[in-house]
Amino acid sequence: MLNASPEAMISVVEQAIALWGAPQGLAVPAFRQHHAAMLGVSQFFALPITVVDLLALASVQPRCLTHSEVARIATGFGSIAEGCALAALGPNARLLGARLAGVGVTCAFASIDEEALTP
């Protein structure tokens, strides 16, 4: 995503919306919070951005469905999109599916597992 365009991110988010429905927000790791693609997609869809701290991103890595060696080498994390989606929603979050990939970008959606909230 280092060289990703806002258009590429908008395209992959549109694909995710077609599969899983509209999100309530976007999540991004702290090291990408000012990236043009994230800011562009936030403005385009009028969605707030949640900045995920690195400890939270690290803690959810085992729960991610996909892992990229390229991402791990570049950032220290094998799953950024899925990790951010899970970390932003907390321990009861579940991925709606494996991340989607576009031109230089990835996108994943998560939701709160309502069954985990019931006693």
N, C-alpha and C. Protein backbone atom coordinates (compact mmCIF):
# COMPACT_ATOMS: atom_id res chain seq x y z
N MET A 1 0.81 -1.19 0.00
CA MET A 1 0.00 0.00 0.00
C MET A 1 0.86 1.26 0.00
N LEU A 2 2.13 1.15 0.11
CA LEU A 2 2.98 2.32 0.19
C LEU A 2 2.81 3.23 -1.02
N ASN A 3 2.57 2.67 -2.19
CA ASN A 3 2.39 3.47 -3.39
C ASN A 3 0.96 3.41 -3.93
N ALA A 4 0.03 2.97 -3.12
CA ALA A 4 -1.35 2.80 -3.55
C ALA A 4 -2.02 4.15 -3.79
N SER A 5 -2.88 4.16 -4.78
CA SER A 5 -3.64 5.38 -5.07
C SER A 5 -4.98 5.34 -4.35
N PRO A 6 -5.57 6.51 -4.10
CA PRO A 6 -6.91 6.53 -3.52
C PRO A 6 -7.90 5.77 -4.40
N GLU A 7 -7.76 5.87 -5.71
CA GLU A 7 -8.67 5.18 -6.63
C GLU A 7 -8.59 3.66 -6.46
N ALA A 8 -7.37 3.14 -6.27
CA ALA A 8 -7.21 1.70 -6.07
C ALA A 8 -7.88 1.26 -4.78
N MET A 9 -7.75 2.04 -3.72
CA MET A 9 -8.37 1.70 -2.44
C MET A 9 -9.88 1.81 -2.54
N ILE A 10 -10.38 2.84 -3.18
CA ILE A 10 -11.83 2.99 -3.36
C ILE A 10 -12.39 1.78 -4.11
N SER A 11 -11.68 1.34 -5.13
CA SER A 11 -12.12 0.19 -5.92
C SER A 11 -12.22 -1.07 -5.07
N VAL A 12 -11.21 -1.35 -4.24
CA VAL A 12 -11.25 -2.57 -3.43
C VAL A 12 -12.29 -2.45 -2.32
N VAL A 13 -12.51 -1.27 -1.79
CA VAL A 13 -13.57 -1.09 -0.78
C VAL A 13 -14.94 -1.29 -1.43
N GLU A 14 -15.12 -0.81 -2.65
CA GLU A 14 -16.38 -1.05 -3.36
C GLU A 14 -16.63 -2.54 -3.55
N GLN A 15 -15.58 -3.30 -3.85
CA GLN A 15 -15.72 -4.75 -3.98
C GLN A 15 -16.14 -5.37 -2.65
N ALA A 16 -15.53 -4.91 -1.56
CA ALA A 16 -15.86 -5.43 -0.24
C ALA A 16 -17.31 -5.09 0.13
N ILE A 17 -17.74 -3.89 -0.18
CA ILE A 17 -19.12 -3.49 0.11
C ILE A 17 -20.10 -4.37 -0.67
N ALA A 18 -19.77 -4.68 -1.91
CA ALA A 18 -20.63 -5.56 -2.72
C ALA A 18 -20.75 -6.95 -2.08
N LEU A 19 -19.69 -7.42 -1.44
CA LEU A 19 -19.72 -8.73 -0.79
C LEU A 19 -20.36 -8.71 0.59
N TRP A 20 -20.01 -7.72 1.39
CA TRP A 20 -20.35 -7.77 2.81
C TRP A 20 -21.24 -6.63 3.31
N GLY A 21 -21.55 -5.67 2.48
CA GLY A 21 -22.35 -4.53 2.94
C GLY A 21 -21.47 -3.37 3.38
N ALA A 22 -22.11 -2.27 3.65
CA ALA A 22 -21.39 -1.03 3.98
C ALA A 22 -20.79 -1.09 5.39
N PRO A 23 -19.55 -0.65 5.53
CA PRO A 23 -18.92 -0.60 6.86
C PRO A 23 -19.35 0.66 7.61
N GLN A 24 -19.09 0.65 8.90
CA GLN A 24 -19.37 1.83 9.72
C GLN A 24 -18.14 2.71 9.88
N GLY A 25 -17.00 2.21 9.46
CA GLY A 25 -15.77 2.97 9.57
C GLY A 25 -14.62 2.22 8.93
N LEU A 26 -13.48 2.86 8.93
CA LEU A 26 -12.25 2.30 8.38
C LEU A 26 -11.22 2.19 9.50
N ALA A 27 -10.36 1.19 9.41
CA ALA A 27 -9.29 1.03 10.39
C ALA A 27 -7.97 0.99 9.66
N VAL A 28 -6.98 1.61 10.24
CA VAL A 28 -5.67 1.72 9.61
C VAL A 28 -4.59 1.68 10.70
N PRO A 29 -3.45 1.06 10.41
CA PRO A 29 -2.38 1.06 11.41
C PRO A 29 -1.81 2.47 11.55
N ALA A 30 -1.27 2.74 12.70
CA ALA A 30 -0.73 4.08 12.98
C ALA A 30 0.26 4.53 11.92
N PHE A 31 1.05 3.61 11.39
CA PHE A 31 2.07 4.01 10.41
C PHE A 31 1.49 4.36 9.04
N ARG A 32 0.17 4.22 8.87
CA ARG A 32 -0.45 4.58 7.59
C ARG A 32 -1.63 5.54 7.75
N GLN A 33 -1.77 6.14 8.89
CA GLN A 33 -2.95 6.97 9.15
C GLN A 33 -3.04 8.21 8.27
N HIS A 34 -1.93 8.67 7.71
CA HIS A 34 -1.97 9.85 6.86
C HIS A 34 -1.78 9.52 5.39
N HIS A 35 -1.88 8.25 5.05
CA HIS A 35 -1.68 7.82 3.66
C HIS A 35 -2.81 8.36 2.79
N ALA A 36 -2.47 8.86 1.61
CA ALA A 36 -3.45 9.47 0.70
C ALA A 36 -4.59 8.52 0.35
N ALA A 37 -4.30 7.23 0.18
CA ALA A 37 -5.36 6.27 -0.17
C ALA A 37 -6.40 6.17 0.95
N MET A 38 -5.94 6.12 2.19
CA MET A 38 -6.89 6.02 3.31
C MET A 38 -7.68 7.31 3.46
N LEU A 39 -7.02 8.43 3.35
CA LEU A 39 -7.73 9.70 3.47
C LEU A 39 -8.74 9.85 2.33
N GLY A 40 -8.36 9.44 1.14
CA GLY A 40 -9.26 9.53 -0.01
C GLY A 40 -10.48 8.64 0.14
N VAL A 41 -10.28 7.42 0.60
CA VAL A 41 -11.42 6.51 0.77
C VAL A 41 -12.32 6.97 1.91
N SER A 42 -11.73 7.51 2.96
CA SER A 42 -12.51 8.06 4.07
C SER A 42 -13.42 9.19 3.60
N GLN A 43 -12.87 10.07 2.80
CA GLN A 43 -13.67 11.18 2.27
C GLN A 43 -14.72 10.70 1.27
N PHE A 44 -14.33 9.79 0.38
CA PHE A 44 -15.23 9.30 -0.66
C PHE A 44 -16.47 8.64 -0.06
N PHE A 45 -16.27 7.80 0.96
CA PHE A 45 -17.38 7.07 1.57
C PHE A 45 -17.93 7.76 2.82
N ALA A 46 -17.36 8.89 3.19
CA ALA A 46 -17.76 9.63 4.40
C ALA A 46 -17.72 8.72 5.63
N LEU A 47 -16.59 8.03 5.80
CA LEU A 47 -16.40 7.12 6.92
C LEU A 47 -15.27 7.60 7.82
N PRO A 48 -15.46 7.47 9.13
CA PRO A 48 -14.37 7.83 10.04
C PRO A 48 -13.25 6.80 9.99
N ILE A 49 -12.06 7.23 10.36
CA ILE A 49 -10.90 6.34 10.42
C ILE A 49 -10.55 6.08 11.88
N THR A 50 -10.39 4.81 12.22
CA THR A 50 -9.88 4.40 13.53
C THR A 50 -8.42 4.03 13.34
N VAL A 51 -7.55 4.63 14.13
CA VAL A 51 -6.12 4.31 14.07
C VAL A 51 -5.86 3.16 15.05
N VAL A 52 -5.31 2.08 14.52
CA VAL A 52 -5.01 0.88 15.31
C VAL A 52 -3.57 0.94 15.77
N ASP A 53 -3.37 0.83 17.08
CA ASP A 53 -1.99 0.86 17.57
C ASP A 53 -1.31 -0.48 17.28
N LEU A 54 0.01 -0.45 17.27
CA LEU A 54 0.78 -1.61 16.85
C LEU A 54 0.65 -2.80 17.79
N LEU A 55 0.46 -2.56 19.08
CA LEU A 55 0.27 -3.66 20.02
C LEU A 55 -1.04 -4.39 19.73
N ALA A 56 -2.11 -3.64 19.47
CA ALA A 56 -3.39 -4.26 19.13
C ALA A 56 -3.29 -5.03 17.82
N LEU A 57 -2.59 -4.45 16.84
CA LEU A 57 -2.41 -5.12 15.55
C LEU A 57 -1.63 -6.43 15.74
N ALA A 58 -0.61 -6.40 16.56
CA ALA A 58 0.18 -7.61 16.83
C ALA A 58 -0.66 -8.67 17.53
N SER A 59 -1.51 -8.26 18.45
CA SER A 59 -2.26 -9.23 19.26
C SER A 59 -3.29 -10.02 18.45
N VAL A 60 -3.75 -9.49 17.33
CA VAL A 60 -4.77 -10.19 16.54
C VAL A 60 -4.20 -10.98 15.37
N GLN A 61 -2.90 -10.92 15.14
CA GLN A 61 -2.30 -11.63 14.01
C GLN A 61 -2.67 -13.12 13.97
N PRO A 62 -2.70 -13.83 15.09
CA PRO A 62 -3.06 -15.25 15.03
C PRO A 62 -4.51 -15.50 14.55
N ARG A 63 -5.38 -14.51 14.66
CA ARG A 63 -6.79 -14.66 14.26
C ARG A 63 -7.03 -14.30 12.79
N CYS A 64 -6.01 -13.82 12.11
CA CYS A 64 -6.15 -13.42 10.71
C CYS A 64 -6.18 -14.65 9.81
N LEU A 65 -6.89 -14.53 8.69
CA LEU A 65 -7.05 -15.63 7.76
C LEU A 65 -5.92 -15.73 6.74
N THR A 66 -5.35 -14.60 6.37
CA THR A 66 -4.27 -14.60 5.38
C THR A 66 -3.06 -13.87 5.94
N HIS A 67 -1.89 -14.27 5.45
CA HIS A 67 -0.65 -13.65 5.89
C HIS A 67 0.26 -13.49 4.67
N SER A 68 0.83 -12.32 4.54
CA SER A 68 1.71 -12.01 3.42
C SER A 68 3.14 -11.87 3.92
N GLU A 69 4.02 -12.63 3.33
CA GLU A 69 5.43 -12.53 3.68
C GLU A 69 5.99 -11.17 3.26
N VAL A 70 5.52 -10.66 2.13
CA VAL A 70 5.96 -9.33 1.67
C VAL A 70 5.57 -8.27 2.69
N ALA A 71 4.34 -8.32 3.19
CA ALA A 71 3.89 -7.35 4.20
C ALA A 71 4.68 -7.52 5.49
N ARG A 72 4.92 -8.77 5.88
CA ARG A 72 5.67 -9.01 7.12
C ARG A 72 7.07 -8.43 7.04
N ILE A 73 7.72 -8.61 5.91
CA ILE A 73 9.07 -8.06 5.74
C ILE A 73 9.04 -6.53 5.76
N ALA A 74 8.05 -5.95 5.09
CA ALA A 74 7.97 -4.49 4.97
C ALA A 74 7.52 -3.80 6.25
N THR A 75 6.61 -4.45 7.00
CA THR A 75 5.99 -3.77 8.14
C THR A 75 6.15 -4.47 9.48
N GLY A 76 6.52 -5.75 9.44
CA GLY A 76 6.57 -6.53 10.67
C GLY A 76 5.28 -7.27 10.95
N PHE A 77 4.27 -7.09 10.11
CA PHE A 77 2.97 -7.73 10.28
C PHE A 77 2.59 -8.46 8.99
N GLY A 78 2.19 -9.71 9.13
CA GLY A 78 1.81 -10.49 7.96
C GLY A 78 0.40 -10.23 7.47
N SER A 79 -0.41 -9.61 8.32
CA SER A 79 -1.79 -9.34 7.94
C SER A 79 -2.20 -7.97 8.47
N ILE A 80 -2.17 -7.00 7.60
CA ILE A 80 -2.48 -5.64 8.04
C ILE A 80 -3.97 -5.35 7.93
N ALA A 81 -4.58 -5.57 6.77
CA ALA A 81 -6.00 -5.25 6.59
C ALA A 81 -6.87 -6.06 7.54
N GLU A 82 -6.67 -7.37 7.56
CA GLU A 82 -7.46 -8.21 8.46
C GLU A 82 -7.18 -7.87 9.92
N GLY A 83 -5.92 -7.65 10.24
CA GLY A 83 -5.56 -7.30 11.60
C GLY A 83 -6.20 -6.01 12.07
N CYS A 84 -6.19 -5.00 11.21
CA CYS A 84 -6.81 -3.73 11.57
C CYS A 84 -8.32 -3.87 11.75
N ALA A 85 -8.95 -4.64 10.86
CA ALA A 85 -10.40 -4.84 10.97
C ALA A 85 -10.75 -5.50 12.30
N LEU A 86 -10.00 -6.51 12.69
CA LEU A 86 -10.25 -7.19 13.96
C LEU A 86 -9.93 -6.30 15.16
N ALA A 87 -8.76 -5.69 15.13
CA ALA A 87 -8.31 -4.89 16.28
C ALA A 87 -9.22 -3.70 16.54
N ALA A 88 -9.74 -3.09 15.49
CA ALA A 88 -10.60 -1.92 15.66
C ALA A 88 -11.90 -2.26 16.38
N LEU A 89 -12.37 -3.50 16.23
CA LEU A 89 -13.64 -3.89 16.84
C LEU A 89 -13.51 -4.65 18.15
N GLY A 90 -12.30 -5.04 18.49
CA GLY A 90 -12.10 -5.67 19.79
C GLY A 90 -12.16 -7.18 19.77
N PRO A 91 -12.15 -7.79 20.98
CA PRO A 91 -12.00 -9.24 21.09
C PRO A 91 -13.17 -10.06 20.54
N ASN A 92 -14.33 -9.47 20.40
CA ASN A 92 -15.49 -10.22 19.88
C ASN A 92 -15.67 -10.04 18.38
N ALA A 93 -14.69 -9.45 17.73
CA ALA A 93 -14.78 -9.24 16.29
C ALA A 93 -14.47 -10.53 15.55
N ARG A 94 -15.08 -10.66 14.37
CA ARG A 94 -14.77 -11.78 13.49
C ARG A 94 -14.70 -11.25 12.07
N LEU A 95 -13.80 -11.81 11.30
CA LEU A 95 -13.67 -11.41 9.90
C LEU A 95 -14.87 -11.92 9.11
N LEU A 96 -15.33 -11.12 8.16
CA LEU A 96 -16.43 -11.55 7.30
C LEU A 96 -15.92 -12.44 6.17
N GLY A 97 -14.63 -12.45 5.96
CA GLY A 97 -13.99 -13.27 4.95
C GLY A 97 -12.53 -12.87 4.86
N ALA A 98 -11.81 -13.56 4.01
CA ALA A 98 -10.40 -13.24 3.79
C ALA A 98 -10.29 -11.88 3.10
N ARG A 99 -9.20 -11.21 3.31
CA ARG A 99 -8.98 -9.89 2.72
C ARG A 99 -9.11 -9.94 1.21
N LEU A 100 -9.50 -8.80 0.65
CA LEU A 100 -9.53 -8.63 -0.79
C LEU A 100 -8.30 -7.83 -1.18
N ALA A 101 -7.75 -8.13 -2.33
CA ALA A 101 -6.56 -7.42 -2.79
C ALA A 101 -6.88 -6.66 -4.07
N GLY A 102 -6.37 -5.45 -4.15
CA GLY A 102 -6.47 -4.63 -5.34
C GLY A 102 -5.07 -4.28 -5.80
N VAL A 103 -4.96 -3.24 -6.58
CA VAL A 103 -3.66 -2.80 -7.09
C VAL A 103 -2.91 -2.10 -5.96
N GLY A 104 -2.05 -2.86 -5.29
CA GLY A 104 -1.23 -2.30 -4.22
C GLY A 104 -1.96 -2.08 -2.91
N VAL A 105 -3.17 -2.60 -2.77
CA VAL A 105 -3.95 -2.40 -1.54
C VAL A 105 -4.65 -3.69 -1.13
N THR A 106 -5.00 -3.76 0.14
CA THR A 106 -5.84 -4.84 0.63
C THR A 106 -6.93 -4.25 1.50
N CYS A 107 -8.02 -5.01 1.64
CA CYS A 107 -9.16 -4.54 2.42
C CYS A 107 -9.82 -5.75 3.07
N ALA A 108 -10.19 -5.61 4.32
CA ALA A 108 -10.91 -6.66 5.03
C ALA A 108 -12.00 -6.03 5.87
N PHE A 109 -13.10 -6.73 6.01
CA PHE A 109 -14.20 -6.26 6.85
C PHE A 109 -14.39 -7.24 8.00
N ALA A 110 -14.77 -6.70 9.14
CA ALA A 110 -15.08 -7.51 10.31
C ALA A 110 -16.37 -6.99 10.93
N SER A 111 -16.95 -7.82 11.79
CA SER A 111 -18.12 -7.39 12.55
C SER A 111 -18.00 -7.96 13.95
N ILE A 112 -18.86 -7.49 14.82
CA ILE A 112 -18.89 -8.00 16.18
C ILE A 112 -19.70 -9.29 16.18
N ASP A 113 -19.14 -10.33 16.78
CA ASP A 113 -19.83 -11.61 16.90
C ASP A 113 -20.84 -11.48 18.04
N GLU A 114 -22.09 -11.29 17.67
CA GLU A 114 -23.16 -11.07 18.66
C GLU A 114 -23.31 -12.26 19.60
N GLU A 115 -23.09 -13.48 19.12
CA GLU A 115 -23.22 -14.67 19.98
C GLU A 115 -22.21 -14.64 21.10
N ALA A 116 -21.05 -14.06 20.86
CA ALA A 116 -20.03 -13.99 21.90
C ALA A 116 -20.42 -13.00 22.99
N LEU A 117 -21.35 -12.11 22.68
CA LEU A 117 -21.76 -11.09 23.67
C LEU A 117 -22.86 -11.58 24.58
N THR A 118 -23.59 -12.63 24.20
CA THR A 118 -24.69 -13.11 25.03
C THR A 118 -24.17 -14.05 26.10
N PRO A 119 -24.69 -13.90 27.32
CA PRO A 119 -24.20 -14.76 28.43
C PRO A 119 -24.61 -16.20 28.29
